[in-house]
Amino acid sequence: MSSLFSKSISLGKEHKISDSEFTNLRDFIYAQCGIYVADNRKYLLENRLGNRLKKLNLKNFDEYYNLLRFDVGKAQEMKKLFEVITTNETSFYRNPPQLDVFQNEVLNEVVSKARHQGKKLRIWSAGCSTGEEPYTISMIIHEMLKKEVPTWDIRITANDLSERVLESARRAVYNDYTLRTTPKDVADRYFELESGQNRLNQEVKRLVSFGQINLKDRIQVKRVPRSQIVFCRNVIIYFDDEMKKQVISAFYDNLLPGGYLVIGHSESLHNITRAFKPIHYPGSIIYKKEE
């Protein structure tokens, strides 16, 4: 659910980025995590990273580039870089029509099949941001299985590039705005009001396991448990074609035969791969790895 570069930040504009500085940083970011910054988005790097220059008391973007490559603290700064180049705009029950298809068609089929195969359910939320997506999946599972949940072996693996958003996800305390598309009866069941914020209950949290992952890192990706369902919504649109193919191929390899891939409603696998079978539902396309 991470939404990358969705809006500009107006601070730090006194630092101007030259064409060569932009090219160096753009190529460096792509090499590190696969996020591609197009030429017409040069201003985004200038705005986002300008604040890091001020914080680190650096004169220009070349100095920042060299810090990322050679400084003893480069690993720590890389985490900051990943934070500032990703904007995490998400909510619970985002895109309800797609989630209705997920619950009534995809999950229903997967659960029915798993019921006769050891009651084991594995779902991967890749690009989980501050946790709303995997927690929504957990709530949908609770709504479907109800008191049966403790008798199942369920694990939702939730990953993101940014450590900061993962810390927020683990806290699982949210404002009212993130719950704006959540059915009221569902919100009442799974959240408790605490100092004006909404704290998610432990039963929903228990199904979700968070961890940092870089989708460009093939070794990290291969460590993710094999899944019946993979969610990766609103992430691949920020990759170039080569990176899209790499990531989608990794999802295909991760999925068990008959498994499903759920991507953002504005995203498509057209021209990326023909390995998946697209299944058309009203308002949504879900991709299936055939058995």
Protein backbone atom coordinates (compact mmCIF):
# COMPACT_ATOMS: atom_id res chain seq x y z
CA MET A 1 0.00 0.00 0.00
CA SER A 2 2.95 2.30 0.13
CA SER A 3 2.38 5.19 -2.22
CA LEU A 4 5.72 6.42 -3.45
CA PHE A 5 6.34 10.06 -4.36
CA SER A 6 2.64 10.87 -4.20
CA LYS A 7 3.10 14.45 -3.15
CA SER A 8 5.84 17.02 -2.86
CA ILE A 9 7.17 18.53 0.34
CA SER A 10 7.81 22.25 0.22
CA LEU A 11 10.70 22.44 2.66
CA GLY A 12 14.37 22.53 1.82
CA LYS A 13 13.99 24.39 -1.46
CA GLU A 14 17.10 26.52 -0.98
CA HIS A 15 19.19 23.56 -2.14
CA LYS A 16 19.09 23.28 -5.93
CA ILE A 17 19.96 19.96 -7.52
CA SER A 18 22.03 19.99 -10.71
CA ASP A 19 21.38 17.59 -13.58
CA SER A 20 24.49 15.54 -12.75
CA GLU A 21 23.59 15.40 -9.04
CA PHE A 22 20.07 14.27 -9.91
CA THR A 23 21.36 11.56 -12.26
CA ASN A 24 23.80 10.25 -9.65
CA LEU A 25 21.18 10.12 -6.88
CA ARG A 26 18.44 8.76 -9.15
CA ASP A 27 20.70 5.94 -10.35
CA PHE A 28 21.88 5.25 -6.79
CA ILE A 29 18.30 4.99 -5.47
CA TYR A 30 17.34 2.70 -8.35
CA ALA A 31 20.34 0.47 -7.70
CA GLN A 32 19.49 0.24 -4.01
CA CYS A 33 15.74 -0.40 -4.08
CA GLY A 34 14.40 -0.36 -7.64
CA ILE A 35 12.42 2.87 -7.25
CA TYR A 36 12.75 4.87 -10.46
CA VAL A 37 12.52 8.67 -10.39
CA ALA A 38 11.64 10.02 -13.83
CA ASP A 39 13.33 13.15 -15.21
CA ASN A 40 10.15 15.16 -14.78
CA ARG A 41 10.21 14.41 -11.04
CA LYS A 42 13.61 15.94 -10.39
CA TYR A 43 11.96 18.48 -8.08
CA LEU A 44 10.86 15.65 -5.78
CA LEU A 45 14.43 14.64 -5.00
CA GLU A 46 15.34 18.30 -4.56
CA ASN A 47 12.52 18.88 -2.08
CA ARG A 48 12.67 15.59 -0.20
CA LEU A 49 16.44 15.35 0.14
CA GLY A 50 16.95 19.08 0.71
CA ASN A 51 15.80 18.52 4.28
CA ARG A 52 18.45 15.83 4.78
CA LEU A 53 21.12 18.25 3.52
CA LYS A 54 20.03 20.84 6.09
CA LYS A 55 19.92 18.26 8.88
CA LEU A 56 23.40 16.97 8.02
CA ASN A 57 24.81 20.46 7.34
CA LEU A 58 25.87 19.54 3.81
CA LYS A 59 26.56 22.12 1.09
CA ASN A 60 25.14 20.28 -1.91
CA PHE A 61 23.68 17.04 -3.23
CA ASP A 62 27.08 15.74 -4.32
CA GLU A 63 28.18 15.75 -0.67
CA TYR A 64 25.05 13.80 0.23
CA TYR A 65 25.69 11.32 -2.59
CA ASN A 66 29.24 10.75 -1.35
CA LEU A 67 27.99 10.33 2.22
CA LEU A 68 25.62 7.58 1.06
CA ARG A 69 28.46 5.80 -0.72
CA PHE A 70 31.44 6.22 1.58
CA ASP A 71 30.55 7.54 5.05
CA VAL A 72 30.85 5.27 8.09
CA GLY A 73 27.22 6.10 8.90
CA LYS A 74 25.96 5.32 5.39
CA ALA A 75 23.79 2.36 6.49
CA GLN A 76 21.89 4.54 8.96
CA GLU A 77 21.46 7.30 6.39
CA MET A 78 20.17 4.75 3.87
CA LYS A 79 17.25 4.10 6.21
CA LYS A 80 16.53 7.84 6.28
CA LEU A 81 16.76 7.96 2.50
CA PHE A 82 14.19 5.17 2.16
CA GLU A 83 11.88 7.03 4.56
CA VAL A 84 11.96 10.35 2.72
CA ILE A 85 11.57 8.92 -0.80
CA THR A 86 8.45 6.97 0.14
CA THR A 87 5.18 8.62 1.09
CA ASN A 88 2.80 6.26 2.83
CA GLU A 89 -0.78 7.17 2.06
CA THR A 90 -3.13 4.40 3.07
CA SER A 91 -6.20 3.50 5.12
CA PHE A 92 -8.12 0.54 6.50
CA TYR A 93 -10.50 -1.16 4.05
CA ARG A 94 -8.98 0.81 1.16
CA ASN A 95 -10.84 0.22 -2.12
CA PRO A 96 -13.86 -1.64 -0.68
CA PRO A 97 -15.03 -3.12 -4.05
CA GLN A 98 -11.70 -4.90 -4.47
CA LEU A 99 -11.77 -6.12 -0.87
CA ASP A 100 -15.30 -7.46 -1.39
CA VAL A 101 -13.98 -9.56 -4.27
CA PHE A 102 -11.05 -10.65 -2.12
CA GLN A 103 -13.32 -11.73 0.74
CA ASN A 104 -16.20 -13.29 -1.19
CA GLU A 105 -14.28 -14.90 -4.05
CA VAL A 106 -10.55 -15.28 -3.38
CA LEU A 107 -10.38 -15.81 0.37
CA ASN A 108 -13.53 -17.91 0.38
CA GLU A 109 -12.00 -20.29 -2.17
CA VAL A 110 -8.57 -20.41 -0.47
CA VAL A 111 -10.09 -21.04 2.97
CA SER A 112 -12.39 -23.78 1.63
CA LYS A 113 -9.41 -25.53 0.06
CA ALA A 114 -7.16 -25.05 3.12
CA ARG A 115 -9.86 -26.39 5.44
CA HIS A 116 -9.16 -29.86 4.00
CA GLN A 117 -5.37 -29.40 3.95
CA GLY A 118 -4.39 -28.70 7.54
CA LYS A 119 -6.06 -25.31 8.05
CA LYS A 120 -2.89 -23.46 7.10
CA LEU A 121 -3.16 -19.95 5.64
CA ARG A 122 -0.22 -17.83 4.42
CA ILE A 123 -0.69 -14.34 3.00
CA TRP A 124 2.03 -11.84 2.04
CA SER A 125 1.44 -8.07 2.18
CA ALA A 126 4.37 -6.57 0.23
CA GLY A 127 4.59 -2.82 0.71
CA CYS A 128 2.48 -2.82 3.87
CA SER A 129 3.21 0.79 4.90
CA THR A 130 1.90 1.58 8.41
CA GLY A 131 -0.02 -1.68 8.68
CA GLU A 132 -3.51 -0.84 7.52
CA GLU A 133 -3.52 -3.40 4.70
CA PRO A 134 -2.33 -6.51 6.59
CA TYR A 135 -4.49 -5.61 9.58
CA THR A 136 -7.49 -5.19 7.26
CA ILE A 137 -6.75 -8.69 5.89
CA SER A 138 -6.60 -10.00 9.46
CA MET A 139 -9.95 -8.40 10.29
CA ILE A 140 -11.53 -9.88 7.15
CA ILE A 141 -10.22 -13.32 8.17
CA HIS A 142 -11.70 -12.85 11.66
CA GLU A 143 -15.02 -11.81 10.13
CA MET A 144 -15.04 -14.96 8.00
CA LEU A 145 -13.74 -17.57 10.45
CA LYS A 146 -14.99 -15.96 13.69
CA LYS A 147 -14.40 -18.34 16.64
CA GLU A 148 -12.59 -20.79 14.37
CA VAL A 149 -9.51 -18.53 14.08
CA PRO A 150 -7.59 -20.10 17.02
CA THR A 151 -7.91 -23.55 15.40
CA TRP A 152 -6.10 -22.35 12.24
CA ASP A 153 -2.40 -21.84 11.49
CA ILE A 154 -2.54 -18.33 10.03
CA ARG A 155 0.36 -16.00 9.24
CA ILE A 156 0.23 -12.70 7.36
CA THR A 157 3.77 -11.62 6.47
CA ALA A 158 3.89 -7.82 6.14
CA ASN A 159 6.92 -6.07 4.69
CA ASP A 160 7.99 -2.56 3.77
CA LEU A 161 11.16 -0.75 2.77
CA SER A 162 10.92 1.83 5.56
CA GLU A 163 11.75 0.87 9.16
CA ARG A 164 9.89 3.94 10.41
CA VAL A 165 6.52 2.88 8.99
CA LEU A 166 7.04 -0.64 10.35
CA GLU A 167 7.55 0.77 13.86
CA SER A 168 4.24 2.60 13.49
CA ALA A 169 2.56 -0.57 12.19
CA ARG A 170 3.71 -2.58 15.20
CA ARG A 171 2.26 0.06 17.57
CA ALA A 172 -1.11 -0.32 15.82
CA VAL A 173 -2.58 2.96 17.07
CA TYR A 174 -4.46 4.95 14.44
CA ASN A 175 -6.40 8.19 14.02
CA ASP A 176 -10.01 8.39 12.86
CA TYR A 177 -9.03 9.39 9.31
CA THR A 178 -7.36 6.04 8.61
CA LEU A 179 -10.64 4.34 9.59
CA ARG A 180 -12.79 6.48 7.29
CA THR A 181 -13.67 3.60 4.91
CA THR A 182 -13.96 0.94 7.62
CA PRO A 183 -17.50 -0.36 8.33
CA LYS A 184 -18.52 1.05 11.70
CA ASP A 185 -19.48 -2.31 13.17
CA VAL A 186 -16.07 -3.71 12.21
CA ALA A 187 -14.25 -0.73 13.73
CA ASP A 188 -16.27 -1.11 16.94
CA ARG A 189 -15.34 -4.79 17.17
CA TYR A 190 -11.60 -4.50 16.65
CA PHE A 191 -10.55 -1.09 17.99
CA GLU A 192 -10.57 0.49 21.44
CA LEU A 193 -10.59 4.24 21.93
CA GLU A 194 -7.53 5.41 23.83
CA SER A 195 -6.66 9.09 24.36
CA GLY A 196 -8.50 10.09 21.20
CA GLN A 197 -6.76 7.40 19.11
CA ASN A 198 -7.87 3.93 18.02
CA ARG A 199 -5.88 1.00 19.36
CA LEU A 200 -6.19 -2.28 17.46
CA ASN A 201 -6.91 -5.35 19.55
CA GLN A 202 -4.38 -8.12 20.11
CA GLU A 203 -6.32 -10.85 18.30
CA VAL A 204 -6.06 -8.97 15.00
CA LYS A 205 -2.39 -8.07 15.60
CA ARG A 206 -1.48 -11.65 16.46
CA LEU A 207 -1.90 -12.88 12.88
CA VAL A 208 0.52 -10.32 11.40
CA SER A 209 4.33 -10.50 11.36
CA PHE A 210 6.20 -7.33 10.27
CA GLY A 211 9.69 -7.09 8.80
CA GLN A 212 11.80 -4.78 6.63
CA ILE A 213 12.32 -5.92 3.06
CA ASN A 214 13.79 -4.50 -0.12
CA LEU A 215 11.92 -5.98 -3.09
CA LYS A 216 15.06 -5.55 -5.21
CA ASP A 217 16.94 -7.93 -2.91
CA ARG A 218 16.29 -11.40 -4.36
CA ILE A 219 17.71 -13.18 -1.30
CA GLN A 220 15.43 -11.29 1.12
CA VAL A 221 12.40 -11.94 -1.07
CA LYS A 222 13.12 -15.68 -1.26
CA ARG A 223 13.00 -15.88 2.55
CA VAL A 224 9.31 -14.95 2.63
CA PRO A 225 7.17 -18.02 3.41
CA ARG A 226 5.33 -19.35 0.37
CA SER A 227 1.85 -17.92 0.17
CA GLN A 228 -1.63 -18.69 -1.06
CA ILE A 229 -2.27 -14.96 -1.59
CA VAL A 230 0.08 -12.03 -2.25
CA PHE A 231 -1.03 -8.41 -1.86
CA CYS A 232 1.09 -5.71 -3.48
CA ARG A 233 -1.11 -2.70 -4.06
CA ASN A 234 0.04 0.68 -5.38
CA VAL A 235 3.75 -0.18 -5.41
CA ILE A 236 4.76 -1.51 -8.83
CA ILE A 237 3.62 1.64 -10.65
CA TYR A 238 6.74 3.31 -9.22
CA PHE A 239 9.12 0.74 -10.75
CA ASP A 240 10.47 0.69 -14.29
CA ASP A 241 9.63 -2.25 -16.57
CA GLU A 242 12.70 -4.29 -15.65
CA MET A 243 12.06 -3.95 -11.91
CA LYS A 244 8.34 -4.68 -12.37
CA LYS A 245 9.20 -7.93 -14.14
CA GLN A 246 11.66 -8.91 -11.40
CA VAL A 247 9.15 -8.24 -8.60
CA ILE A 248 6.19 -9.91 -10.30
CA SER A 249 8.37 -12.93 -11.09
CA ALA A 250 9.30 -13.12 -7.39
CA PHE A 251 5.61 -13.05 -6.44
CA TYR A 252 4.91 -15.83 -8.93
CA ASP A 253 7.68 -17.95 -7.42
CA ASN A 254 6.42 -17.24 -3.90
CA LEU A 255 2.83 -18.22 -4.65
CA LEU A 256 1.72 -21.79 -4.22
CA PRO A 257 -0.02 -23.38 -7.25
CA GLY A 258 -3.53 -21.95 -7.51
CA GLY A 259 -2.50 -18.88 -5.51
CA TYR A 260 -3.67 -15.32 -6.12
CA LEU A 261 -1.95 -11.96 -6.65
CA VAL A 262 -3.83 -8.77 -5.71
CA ILE A 263 -2.41 -5.51 -7.10
CA GLY A 264 -3.74 -1.94 -7.05
CA HIS A 265 -6.90 -1.19 -9.03
CA SER A 266 -4.95 1.28 -11.22
CA GLU A 267 -2.16 -1.24 -11.86
CA SER A 268 -1.97 -3.96 -14.49
CA LEU A 269 0.25 -6.89 -15.43
CA HIS A 270 -0.37 -6.15 -19.11
CA ASN A 271 3.02 -6.03 -20.88
CA ILE A 272 4.78 -7.30 -17.74
CA THR A 273 3.96 -11.02 -17.70
CA ARG A 274 1.58 -13.61 -19.07
CA ALA A 275 2.37 -16.11 -16.35
CA PHE A 276 -0.79 -15.22 -14.39
CA LYS A 277 -4.36 -15.77 -15.48
CA PRO A 278 -6.35 -12.53 -15.06
CA ILE A 279 -9.79 -13.11 -13.54
CA HIS A 280 -12.25 -10.28 -14.13
CA TYR A 281 -14.77 -9.34 -11.45
CA PRO A 282 -17.01 -6.23 -11.31
CA GLY A 283 -14.62 -3.39 -10.41
CA SER A 284 -11.56 -5.58 -9.98
CA ILE A 285 -9.06 -7.89 -11.69
CA ILE A 286 -7.36 -10.59 -9.63
CA TYR A 287 -4.41 -12.59 -10.98
CA LYS A 288 -4.17 -16.35 -10.48
CA LYS A 289 -1.18 -18.69 -10.66
CA GLU A 290 -2.68 -21.71 -12.34
CA GLU A 291 -2.29 -25.14 -10.75
